[in-house]
Protein backbone atom coordinates (compact mmCIF):
# COMPACT_ATOMS: atom_id res chain seq x y z
CA MET A 1 345.00 83.98 64.19
CA THR A 2 345.95 80.87 66.09
CA HIS A 3 349.70 82.14 66.28
CA ALA A 4 350.08 83.14 69.75
CA PRO A 5 351.56 86.68 70.11
CA GLN A 6 355.45 86.20 69.58
CA HIS A 7 356.38 88.04 73.26
CA LYS A 8 355.87 85.76 75.90
CA ASP A 9 354.38 88.56 78.10
CA ALA A 10 351.73 89.98 76.06
CA VAL A 11 350.11 92.97 77.17
CA PHE A 12 346.97 93.44 75.00
CA ILE A 13 345.79 97.41 73.91
CA LYS A 14 342.48 97.70 72.67
CA VAL A 15 342.28 100.61 70.07
CA ASP A 16 338.51 102.01 69.92
CA PRO A 17 337.23 103.94 67.36
CA GLY A 18 338.66 107.66 67.50
CA ASP A 19 341.33 106.42 68.99
CA TYR A 20 344.86 105.28 68.65
CA VAL A 21 348.47 104.02 70.69
CA VAL A 22 352.29 104.35 69.14
CA THR A 23 353.89 102.09 71.42
CA ARG A 24 358.00 101.02 71.78
CA LYS A 25 357.04 98.12 74.20
CA PRO A 26 357.26 94.59 71.89
CA GLU A 27 355.40 93.59 74.15
CA HIS A 28 352.15 95.54 73.69
CA VAL A 29 349.81 93.84 71.34
CA LEU A 30 347.31 96.20 69.71
CA VAL A 31 343.81 95.14 69.11
CA THR A 32 340.55 95.95 67.57
CA VAL A 33 337.11 95.14 65.79
CA LEU A 34 336.79 96.76 62.43
CA GLY A 35 334.02 96.74 60.43
CA SER A 36 333.39 99.86 57.53
CA CYS A 37 335.80 101.36 59.73
CA ILE A 38 339.29 101.34 59.14
CA ALA A 39 342.66 100.78 61.47
CA ALA A 40 346.40 101.48 60.11
CA CYS A 41 348.61 99.99 61.25
CA LEU A 42 352.49 101.78 60.88
CA ASN A 43 355.99 100.87 61.87
CA ASP A 44 359.66 101.80 61.60
CA PRO A 45 361.31 98.03 62.22
CA PHE A 46 364.57 99.51 62.10
CA ALA A 47 363.77 102.23 64.94
CA GLY A 48 361.43 99.92 66.61
CA ILE A 49 358.34 102.04 67.00
CA GLY A 50 355.48 101.50 65.14
CA GLY A 51 351.23 101.79 66.26
CA MET A 52 347.66 101.48 65.58
CA ASN A 53 344.82 104.39 64.65
CA HIS A 54 341.26 103.20 64.18
CA PHE A 55 339.33 105.36 61.88
CA MET A 56 335.04 105.64 61.33
CA LEU A 57 334.98 108.23 58.32
CA PRO A 58 337.62 109.05 55.75
CA SER A 59 338.13 113.02 55.68
CA SER A 60 336.82 116.35 57.03
CA THR A 61 338.35 119.37 55.88
CA HIS A 62 336.07 121.64 58.97
CA GLY A 63 337.56 119.33 61.36
CA ALA A 64 334.47 118.65 62.94
CA TRP A 65 332.01 115.83 63.55
CA SER A 66 328.31 117.97 63.99
CA GLY A 67 330.36 121.02 65.10
CA ALA A 68 333.22 119.48 67.33
CA THR A 69 336.46 119.81 67.51
CA ALA A 70 338.95 117.95 64.82
CA SER A 71 338.16 114.42 65.70
CA LEU A 72 340.66 111.37 65.28
CA ARG A 73 337.37 109.73 63.79
CA PHE A 74 338.47 111.55 60.88
CA GLY A 75 341.48 108.71 58.71
CA ASN A 76 342.64 112.61 57.60
CA PHE A 77 343.35 113.65 61.44
CA ALA A 78 343.82 110.20 62.84
CA MET A 79 347.34 109.72 59.85
CA GLU A 80 348.31 112.50 60.98
CA ARG A 81 348.28 111.91 64.35
CA LEU A 82 349.59 108.59 64.09
CA ILE A 83 352.61 109.16 61.45
CA ASN A 84 353.50 112.47 63.45
CA ASP A 85 353.71 110.14 66.58
CA ILE A 86 356.14 107.77 65.28
CA LEU A 87 358.20 110.46 63.61
CA ARG A 88 358.31 112.19 67.07
CA GLY A 89 359.14 108.89 68.37
CA GLY A 90 361.95 107.90 66.62
CA GLY A 91 360.86 106.73 63.72
CA HIS A 92 361.96 107.94 59.93
CA ARG A 93 359.29 108.86 57.33
CA ASN A 94 361.33 106.82 54.62
CA ARG A 95 361.28 103.70 56.57
CA LEU A 96 357.93 102.93 57.75
CA GLN A 97 355.68 100.29 56.57
CA ALA A 98 351.31 100.00 56.49
CA LYS A 99 349.94 97.13 57.05
CA LEU A 100 345.66 98.13 56.58
CA PHE A 101 342.79 95.73 57.67
CA GLY A 102 338.96 96.98 57.23
CA GLY A 103 336.66 98.77 55.04
CA ALA A 104 333.69 95.74 54.68
CA SER A 105 330.59 96.88 52.68
CA MET A 106 328.34 96.95 56.01
CA VAL A 107 327.30 100.73 57.20
CA GLY A 108 325.33 102.67 54.51
CA GLY A 109 325.21 100.10 51.44
CA GLY A 110 329.04 99.48 51.40
CA LYS A 111 329.29 103.22 50.64
CA VAL A 112 331.43 103.85 54.37
CA GLY A 113 333.96 101.06 53.54
CA ALA A 114 334.82 101.51 50.36
CA SER A 115 335.40 105.59 50.96
CA ASN A 116 337.74 104.37 53.93
CA VAL A 117 340.24 102.50 51.43
CA ASP A 118 340.19 104.73 48.79
CA PHE A 119 340.77 107.60 51.32
CA VAL A 120 343.71 105.60 52.67
CA LEU A 121 345.35 104.28 50.17
CA SER A 122 345.64 107.62 48.18
CA TYR A 123 346.78 108.88 51.95
CA LEU A 124 349.70 106.54 52.36
CA GLN A 125 350.29 106.79 48.35
CA ALA A 126 350.70 110.81 48.56
CA GLU A 127 352.63 110.30 52.08
CA GLY A 128 355.05 107.99 50.09
CA ILE A 129 354.62 105.47 52.77
CA GLU A 130 354.69 101.85 51.33
CA ILE A 131 351.67 98.99 52.09
CA VAL A 132 353.26 96.15 52.87
CA GLY A 133 350.14 93.66 54.24
CA GLY A 134 346.44 93.94 55.59
CA ASP A 135 343.29 93.29 54.15
CA LEU A 136 340.59 95.52 52.92
CA HIS A 137 336.81 95.67 51.19
CA GLY A 138 335.33 92.48 51.77
CA GLN A 139 331.56 91.71 53.36
CA HIS A 140 333.07 90.37 57.10
CA ALA A 141 333.62 92.23 60.25
CA ARG A 142 337.62 91.32 61.67
CA ARG A 143 339.66 91.10 65.08
CA VAL A 144 343.17 92.58 64.19
CA HIS A 145 346.25 92.18 66.28
CA TYR A 146 349.05 93.78 65.97
CA GLU A 147 352.59 93.95 67.32
CA ALA A 148 353.46 97.77 66.79
CA VAL A 149 357.12 96.58 67.50
CA SER A 150 357.57 93.38 64.96
CA GLY A 151 355.00 94.72 62.68
CA ARG A 152 353.58 91.18 62.79
CA ALA A 153 349.55 91.38 61.99
CA LEU A 154 347.06 88.53 62.57
CA MET A 155 343.65 88.79 61.28
CA ARG A 156 340.95 86.63 61.97
CA SER A 157 337.28 87.18 60.18
CA LEU A 158 334.16 87.45 61.99
CA PRO A 159 331.18 86.32 60.35
CA ARG A 160 328.90 85.55 63.22
CA GLU A 161 329.74 89.26 64.30
CA ASP A 162 328.51 91.01 61.25
CA GLN A 163 325.45 91.91 62.42
CA ALA A 164 326.65 93.35 65.55
CA VAL A 165 329.97 94.91 64.64
CA ALA A 166 326.94 97.08 62.23
CA ARG A 167 325.09 98.26 64.97
CA THR A 168 327.80 99.40 66.67
CA GLU A 169 329.25 101.53 63.82
CA THR A 170 325.46 102.86 63.16
CA SER A 171 324.50 103.65 66.67
CA LEU A 172 328.42 105.09 67.35
CA ALA A 173 328.30 107.40 64.67
CA ALA A 174 324.55 108.15 65.61
CA ALA A 175 325.62 108.84 69.37
CA LEU A 176 328.44 111.12 67.63
CA GLU A 177 325.99 113.42 65.80
CA ARG A 178 324.39 113.78 69.12
CA GLN A 179 327.42 114.89 72.19
CA LYS A 180 330.16 116.84 71.72
CA LEU A 181 333.26 115.60 71.65
CA GLU A 182 335.59 115.53 74.31
CA GLY A 183 337.64 118.51 74.41
CA ASP A 184 335.11 120.58 73.54
CA VAL A 185 335.74 124.23 75.36
CA GLU A 186 332.58 126.13 76.58
CA LEU A 187 332.73 129.15 77.51
CA PHE A 188 330.14 130.98 80.53
CA ASP A 189 329.16 134.53 80.67
């Protein structure tokens, strides 16, 4: 990732696990760091809109993370939200292009990363969305910069950060198991 962003006034926007961003602004550069997680980068190059998500696990049929409400930490929710917001913003499904990153063998003996990759490839095939690039599987963490409007993606392997990224993913998953997700409603008597 030795190239500078194409836009001279770049605004870097961090996309954390369980998050997504959709934009029409060419100066926006979406940034994330991945291990076994997946970042799906989608855009409609003709409509000038795109976005990135960052999900941790493939899917949930019950829409919960340890009993909490539906979460963008699951691929099926994260992909649906990303695609729907791009379409609402003027994108067209038949023009969407995807670049996929992540799914490294870092957590759970590599099973989490492999499951995430299998999920996102199957999901995009079922949705008829063309995959035009990316970097999946492997053994190392990666940093991704995505210029969502143009569709330009830059990726750097981060072998020196593997242990830190794996620890972060493991501790985040454990913390999420213990807490309710934002948006839960607690009723009082």
